[in-house]
Amino acid sequence: MTLADQPILLGLRSRWSRLSARDRVILGGLGLVIALALIYLTLWLPAASGIDAVNRELTGLRAEHAKLVDMANEARRLRGARSHDLTIAVADRAASVLRTIDRAGLAGPPAPEVTSDETGAVVVRFADVDYAGWILWLGRAETELGASALKVAISELPTSAGAGHVRAEITLTWAEKKGPATGPAGSR
């Protein structure tokens, strides 16, 4: 027995054949509307709402991407800027170092000794300083002033002076800025 020979289908076929042409068109149209509604509800509507959700997420991702690109460009700019591009006159270097020491809260007592030599290097001697504060100051001073530590000597103080306190001497130097090369041999 085939599918077309089933009693239910035979009954439906006989009813269909007894319908007038107008009723057949109406039932066919109704069936088409129901089929389209089912397609819309089961396929189109979920796909459309999914596309909207993806578009909203894509908009957020594009905004995050733009922020990341800006941050990457800023990082490249900062990485390309050398600290020795900062220019501090040789006569002002010791005073600039003293200002950074004061801002870091390491001005004393006892007050640090700050001297400069004929090469423009600045020597800073701390008789008693908290090591953690001193190391943070050194990092900021190098960044802010464009200096680099040439020579560092640290010795631990007895515990009676305070835990974590040291005697420190550091020599800060500055790289001389070179102007852009000119001429055919030095062109960039």
C-alpha atoms as a PDB file:
ATOM      1  CA  MET A   1       0.000   0.000   0.000  1.00  0.00           C
ATOM      2  CA  THR A   2       1.427   3.378  -1.010  1.00  0.00           C
ATOM      3  CA  LEU A   3       1.028   6.707   0.714  1.00  0.00           C
ATOM      4  CA  ALA A   4      -1.593   7.844  -1.804  1.00  0.00           C
ATOM      5  CA  ASP A   5      -3.713   4.796  -1.024  1.00  0.00           C
ATOM      6  CA  GLN A   6      -4.060   5.593   2.710  1.00  0.00           C
ATOM      7  CA  PRO A   7      -7.700   5.942   3.830  1.00  0.00           C
ATOM      8  CA  ILE A   8      -7.183   9.422   5.261  1.00  0.00           C
ATOM      9  CA  LEU A   9      -5.659  10.725   2.060  1.00  0.00           C
ATOM     10  CA  LEU A  10      -8.351   9.051  -0.017  1.00  0.00           C
ATOM     11  CA  GLY A  11     -10.997  10.800   2.074  1.00  0.00           C
ATOM     12  CA  LEU A  12      -9.271  14.184   1.671  1.00  0.00           C
ATOM     13  CA  ARG A  13      -8.922  13.703  -2.086  1.00  0.00           C
ATOM     14  CA  SER A  14     -12.580  12.877  -2.448  1.00  0.00           C
ATOM     15  CA  ARG A  15     -13.588  15.951  -0.424  1.00  0.00           C
ATOM     16  CA  TRP A  16     -11.258  18.111  -2.527  1.00  0.00           C
ATOM     17  CA  SER A  17     -12.778  16.863  -5.751  1.00  0.00           C
ATOM     18  CA  ARG A  18     -16.309  17.637  -4.466  1.00  0.00           C
ATOM     19  CA  LEU A  19     -15.347  21.284  -3.725  1.00  0.00           C
ATOM     20  CA  SER A  20     -16.188  24.013  -6.188  1.00  0.00           C
ATOM     21  CA  ALA A  21     -13.369  25.824  -8.001  1.00  0.00           C
ATOM     22  CA  ARG A  22     -13.966  28.935  -5.899  1.00  0.00           C
ATOM     23  CA  ASP A  23     -13.653  26.956  -2.641  1.00  0.00           C
ATOM     24  CA  ARG A  24     -10.472  25.287  -3.926  1.00  0.00           C
ATOM     25  CA  VAL A  25      -8.910  28.704  -4.629  1.00  0.00           C
ATOM     26  CA  ILE A  26      -9.911  29.959  -1.170  1.00  0.00           C
ATOM     27  CA  LEU A  27      -8.514  26.865   0.594  1.00  0.00           C
ATOM     28  CA  GLY A  28      -5.339  26.984  -1.535  1.00  0.00           C
ATOM     29  CA  GLY A  29      -4.859  30.665  -0.679  1.00  0.00           C
ATOM     30  CA  LEU A  30      -5.500  29.952   3.005  1.00  0.00           C
ATOM     31  CA  GLY A  31      -2.959  27.124   2.899  1.00  0.00           C
ATOM     32  CA  LEU A  32      -0.446  29.439   1.229  1.00  0.00           C
ATOM     33  CA  VAL A  33      -1.000  32.124   3.903  1.00  0.00           C
ATOM     34  CA  ILE A  34      -0.539  29.547   6.677  1.00  0.00           C
ATOM     35  CA  ALA A  35       2.618  28.183   5.006  1.00  0.00           C
ATOM     36  CA  LEU A  36       4.019  31.732   4.626  1.00  0.00           C
ATOM     37  CA  ALA A  37       3.163  32.533   8.264  1.00  0.00           C
ATOM     38  CA  LEU A  38       4.948  29.379   9.409  1.00  0.00           C
ATOM     39  CA  ILE A  39       8.002  30.220   7.293  1.00  0.00           C
ATOM     40  CA  TYR A  40       7.990  33.772   8.657  1.00  0.00           C
ATOM     41  CA  LEU A  41       7.675  32.665  12.293  1.00  0.00           C
ATOM     42  CA  THR A  42      10.114  29.763  12.150  1.00  0.00           C
ATOM     43  CA  LEU A  43      12.773  31.045   9.751  1.00  0.00           C
ATOM     44  CA  TRP A  44      12.555  34.740   8.951  1.00  0.00           C
ATOM     45  CA  LEU A  45      11.768  36.231  12.384  1.00  0.00           C
ATOM     46  CA  PRO A  46      14.556  34.391  14.289  1.00  0.00           C
ATOM     47  CA  ALA A  47      17.037  35.216  11.523  1.00  0.00           C
ATOM     48  CA  ALA A  48      16.055  38.894  11.520  1.00  0.00           C
ATOM     49  CA  SER A  49      16.311  39.218  15.309  1.00  0.00           C
ATOM     50  CA  GLY A  50      19.644  37.381  15.208  1.00  0.00           C
ATOM     51  CA  ILE A  51      20.909  39.788  12.550  1.00  0.00           C
ATOM     52  CA  ASP A  52      19.826  42.761  14.698  1.00  0.00           C
ATOM     53  CA  ALA A  53      21.644  41.317  17.716  1.00  0.00           C
ATOM     54  CA  VAL A  54      24.770  40.706  15.646  1.00  0.00           C
ATOM     55  CA  ASN A  55      24.601  44.265  14.268  1.00  0.00           C
ATOM     56  CA  ARG A  56      24.348  45.690  17.816  1.00  0.00           C
ATOM     57  CA  GLU A  57      27.287  43.561  18.923  1.00  0.00           C
ATOM     58  CA  LEU A  58      29.246  44.567  15.832  1.00  0.00           C
ATOM     59  CA  THR A  59      28.658  48.244  16.611  1.00  0.00           C
ATOM     60  CA  GLY A  60      30.029  47.703  20.133  1.00  0.00           C
ATOM     61  CA  LEU A  61      33.000  45.769  18.802  1.00  0.00           C
ATOM     62  CA  ARG A  62      33.760  48.517  16.294  1.00  0.00           C
ATOM     63  CA  ALA A  63      33.756  51.093  19.106  1.00  0.00           C
ATOM     64  CA  GLU A  64      36.095  48.878  21.170  1.00  0.00           C
ATOM     65  CA  HIS A  65      38.314  48.383  18.115  1.00  0.00           C
ATOM     66  CA  ALA A  66      38.531  52.148  17.597  1.00  0.00           C
ATOM     67  CA  LYS A  67      39.568  52.574  21.256  1.00  0.00           C
ATOM     68  CA  LEU A  68      42.191  49.832  20.916  1.00  0.00           C
ATOM     69  CA  VAL A  69      43.560  51.408  17.750  1.00  0.00           C
ATOM     70  CA  ASP A  70      43.798  54.776  19.527  1.00  0.00           C
ATOM     71  CA  MET A  71      45.557  53.154  22.474  1.00  0.00           C
ATOM     72  CA  ALA A  72      47.960  51.280  20.175  1.00  0.00           C
ATOM     73  CA  ASN A  73      48.769  54.488  18.314  1.00  0.00           C
ATOM     74  CA  GLU A  74      49.380  56.264  21.630  1.00  0.00           C
ATOM     75  CA  ALA A  75      51.637  53.407  22.765  1.00  0.00           C
ATOM     76  CA  ARG A  76      53.585  53.602  19.485  1.00  0.00           C
ATOM     77  CA  ARG A  77      53.889  57.361  19.884  1.00  0.00           C
ATOM     78  CA  LEU A  78      55.100  57.030  23.465  1.00  0.00           C
ATOM     79  CA  ARG A  79      57.482  54.202  22.597  1.00  0.00           C
ATOM     80  CA  GLY A  80      58.913  56.272  19.752  1.00  0.00           C
ATOM     81  CA  ALA A  81      59.423  59.312  22.000  1.00  0.00           C
ATOM     82  CA  ARG A  82      62.761  58.890  23.677  1.00  0.00           C
ATOM     83  CA  SER A  83      63.112  60.259  27.187  1.00  0.00           C
ATOM     84  CA  HIS A  84      66.315  62.059  26.243  1.00  0.00           C
ATOM     85  CA  ASP A  85      64.298  64.179  23.817  1.00  0.00           C
ATOM     86  CA  LEU A  86      63.537  66.298  26.879  1.00  0.00           C
ATOM     87  CA  THR A  87      65.899  69.210  27.139  1.00  0.00           C
ATOM     88  CA  ILE A  88      66.994  70.487  30.536  1.00  0.00           C
ATOM     89  CA  ALA A  89      69.786  73.030  30.637  1.00  0.00           C
ATOM     90  CA  VAL A  90      72.896  71.804  32.449  1.00  0.00           C
ATOM     91  CA  ALA A  91      72.574  74.617  35.021  1.00  0.00           C
ATOM     92  CA  ASP A  92      68.954  73.653  35.793  1.00  0.00           C
ATOM     93  CA  ARG A  93      69.441  69.895  36.166  1.00  0.00           C
ATOM     94  CA  ALA A  94      70.324  69.883  39.887  1.00  0.00           C
ATOM     95  CA  ALA A  95      67.337  72.115  40.715  1.00  0.00           C
ATOM     96  CA  SER A  96      65.047  69.891  38.630  1.00  0.00           C
ATOM     97  CA  VAL A  97      66.287  66.811  40.484  1.00  0.00           C
ATOM     98  CA  LEU A  98      65.667  68.560  43.821  1.00  0.00           C
ATOM     99  CA  ARG A  99      62.088  69.360  42.771  1.00  0.00           C
ATOM    100  CA  THR A 100      61.428  65.702  41.944  1.00  0.00           C
ATOM    101  CA  ILE A 101      62.887  64.661  45.307  1.00  0.00           C
ATOM    102  CA  ASP A 102      60.653  67.157  47.085  1.00  0.00           C
ATOM    103  CA  ARG A 103      57.525  65.985  45.172  1.00  0.00           C
ATOM    104  CA  ALA A 104      58.352  62.384  46.116  1.00  0.00           C
ATOM    105  CA  GLY A 105      58.520  63.361  49.802  1.00  0.00           C
ATOM    106  CA  LEU A 106      62.184  62.395  50.158  1.00  0.00           C
ATOM    107  CA  ALA A 107      63.544  65.860  50.994  1.00  0.00           C
ATOM    108  CA  GLY A 108      64.473  64.841  54.511  1.00  0.00           C
ATOM    109  CA  PRO A 109      65.408  65.000  57.225  1.00  0.00           C
ATOM    110  CA  PRO A 110      68.222  64.380  56.608  1.00  0.00           C
ATOM    111  CA  ALA A 111      68.203  66.380  53.399  1.00  0.00           C
ATOM    112  CA  PRO A 112      69.788  64.719  50.381  1.00  0.00           C
ATOM    113  CA  GLU A 113      72.962  66.211  48.941  1.00  0.00           C
ATOM    114  CA  VAL A 114      72.605  67.165  45.276  1.00  0.00           C
ATOM    115  CA  THR A 115      75.653  68.264  43.274  1.00  0.00           C
ATOM    116  CA  SER A 116      76.438  68.534  39.599  1.00  0.00           C
ATOM    117  CA  ASP A 117      79.756  68.102  37.866  1.00  0.00           C
ATOM    118  CA  GLU A 118      81.348  69.684  34.804  1.00  0.00           C
ATOM    119  CA  THR A 119      79.842  67.078  32.441  1.00  0.00           C
ATOM    120  CA  GLY A 120      76.299  67.970  33.483  1.00  0.00           C
ATOM    121  CA  ALA A 121      75.781  64.798  35.506  1.00  0.00           C
ATOM    122  CA  VAL A 122      73.963  65.179  38.829  1.00  0.00           C
ATOM    123  CA  VAL A 123      75.064  63.201  41.879  1.00  0.00           C
ATOM    124  CA  VAL A 124      72.451  62.645  44.585  1.00  0.00           C
ATOM    125  CA  ARG A 125      73.413  61.295  48.005  1.00  0.00           C
ATOM    126  CA  PHE A 126      70.789  60.159  50.523  1.00  0.00           C
ATOM    127  CA  ALA A 127      72.120  59.537  54.049  1.00  0.00           C
ATOM    128  CA  ASP A 128      68.893  57.849  55.189  1.00  0.00           C
ATOM    129  CA  VAL A 129      65.993  57.134  52.827  1.00  0.00           C
ATOM    130  CA  ASP A 130      63.181  54.601  52.585  1.00  0.00           C
ATOM    131  CA  TYR A 131      64.203  52.192  49.805  1.00  0.00           C
ATOM    132  CA  ALA A 132      60.693  51.747  48.368  1.00  0.00           C
ATOM    133  CA  GLY A 133      60.133  55.518  48.136  1.00  0.00           C
ATOM    134  CA  TRP A 134      63.606  56.019  46.693  1.00  0.00           C
ATOM    135  CA  ILE A 135      63.192  53.428  43.937  1.00  0.00           C
ATOM    136  CA  LEU A 136      59.816  54.914  42.949  1.00  0.00           C
ATOM    137  CA  TRP A 137      61.397  58.385  42.873  1.00  0.00           C
ATOM    138  CA  LEU A 138      64.214  57.114  40.659  1.00  0.00           C
ATOM    139  CA  GLY A 139      61.803  55.695  38.076  1.00  0.00           C
ATOM    140  CA  ARG A 140      59.754  58.899  37.969  1.00  0.00           C
ATOM    141  CA  ALA A 141      62.857  61.113  37.856  1.00  0.00           C
ATOM    142  CA  GLU A 142      64.229  59.192  34.897  1.00  0.00           C
ATOM    143  CA  THR A 143      60.906  59.499  33.077  1.00  0.00           C
ATOM    144  CA  GLU A 144      60.153  63.137  33.959  1.00  0.00           C
ATOM    145  CA  LEU A 145      63.639  64.522  33.472  1.00  0.00           C
ATOM    146  CA  GLY A 146      64.842  62.329  30.636  1.00  0.00           C
ATOM    147  CA  ALA A 147      67.773  61.226  32.782  1.00  0.00           C
ATOM    148  CA  SER A 148      69.322  57.819  33.128  1.00  0.00           C
ATOM    149  CA  ALA A 149      71.132  56.288  36.085  1.00  0.00           C
ATOM    150  CA  LEU A 150      74.820  55.960  35.316  1.00  0.00           C
ATOM    151  CA  LYS A 151      76.051  54.779  38.695  1.00  0.00           C
ATOM    152  CA  VAL A 152      74.082  53.549  41.716  1.00  0.00           C
ATOM    153  CA  ALA A 153      75.451  52.597  45.134  1.00  0.00           C
ATOM    154  CA  ILE A 154      73.142  51.405  47.904  1.00  0.00           C
ATOM    155  CA  SER A 155      74.006  50.214  51.399  1.00  0.00           C
ATOM    156  CA  GLU A 156      71.649  49.018  54.093  1.00  0.00           C
ATOM    157  CA  LEU A 157      71.427  51.027  57.291  1.00  0.00           C
ATOM    158  CA  PRO A 158      71.250  49.346  60.689  1.00  0.00           C
ATOM    159  CA  THR A 159      67.725  48.390  61.749  1.00  0.00           C
ATOM    160  CA  SER A 160      67.815  51.124  64.405  1.00  0.00           C
ATOM    161  CA  ALA A 161      67.476  53.657  61.546  1.00  0.00           C
ATOM    162  CA  GLY A 162      64.278  51.955  60.403  1.00  0.00           C
ATOM    163  CA  ALA A 163      63.419  48.839  58.491  1.00  0.00           C
ATOM    164  CA  GLY A 164      63.892  49.239  54.746  1.00  0.00           C
ATOM    165  CA  HIS A 165      66.037  52.370  55.050  1.00  0.00           C
ATOM    166  CA  VAL A 166      69.220  52.662  53.000  1.00  0.00           C
ATOM    167  CA  ARG A 167      72.088  54.974  52.229  1.00  0.00           C
ATOM    168  CA  ALA A 168      72.046  55.663  48.494  1.00  0.00           C
ATOM    169  CA  GLU A 169      74.162  57.502  45.968  1.00  0.00           C
ATOM    170  CA  ILE A 170      73.153  57.834  42.351  1.00  0.00           C
ATOM    171  CA  THR A 171      74.651  59.617  39.364  1.00  0.00           C
ATOM    172  CA  LEU A 172      72.111  60.814  36.818  1.00  0.00           C
ATOM    173  CA  THR A 173      73.192  61.665  33.277  1.00  0.00           C
ATOM    174  CA  TRP A 174      71.459  63.028  30.231  1.00  0.00           C
ATOM    175  CA  ALA A 175      72.097  61.963  26.669  1.00  0.00           C
ATOM    176  CA  GLU A 176      72.978  64.874  24.466  1.00  0.00           C
ATOM    177  CA  LYS A 177      70.341  65.561  21.867  1.00  0.00           C
ATOM    178  CA  LYS A 178      71.627  65.237  18.350  1.00  0.00           C
ATOM    179  CA  GLY A 179      70.136  67.377  15.661  1.00  0.00           C
ATOM    180  CA  PRO A 180      68.819  65.849  12.453  1.00  0.00           C
ATOM    181  CA  ALA A 181      71.473  64.803   9.978  1.00  0.00           C
ATOM    182  CA  THR A 182      71.809  66.938   6.886  1.00  0.00           C
ATOM    183  CA  GLY A 183      73.334  66.437   3.514  1.00  0.00           C
ATOM    184  CA  PRO A 184      73.272  63.474   1.175  1.00  0.00           C
ATOM    185  CA  ALA A 185      75.352  61.197   3.430  1.00  0.00           C
ATOM    186  CA  GLY A 186      73.192  61.770   6.495  1.00  0.00           C
ATOM    187  CA  SER A 187      69.731  62.156   4.952  1.00  0.00           C
ATOM    188  CA  ARG A 188      66.936  60.068   6.421  1.00  0.00           C
END
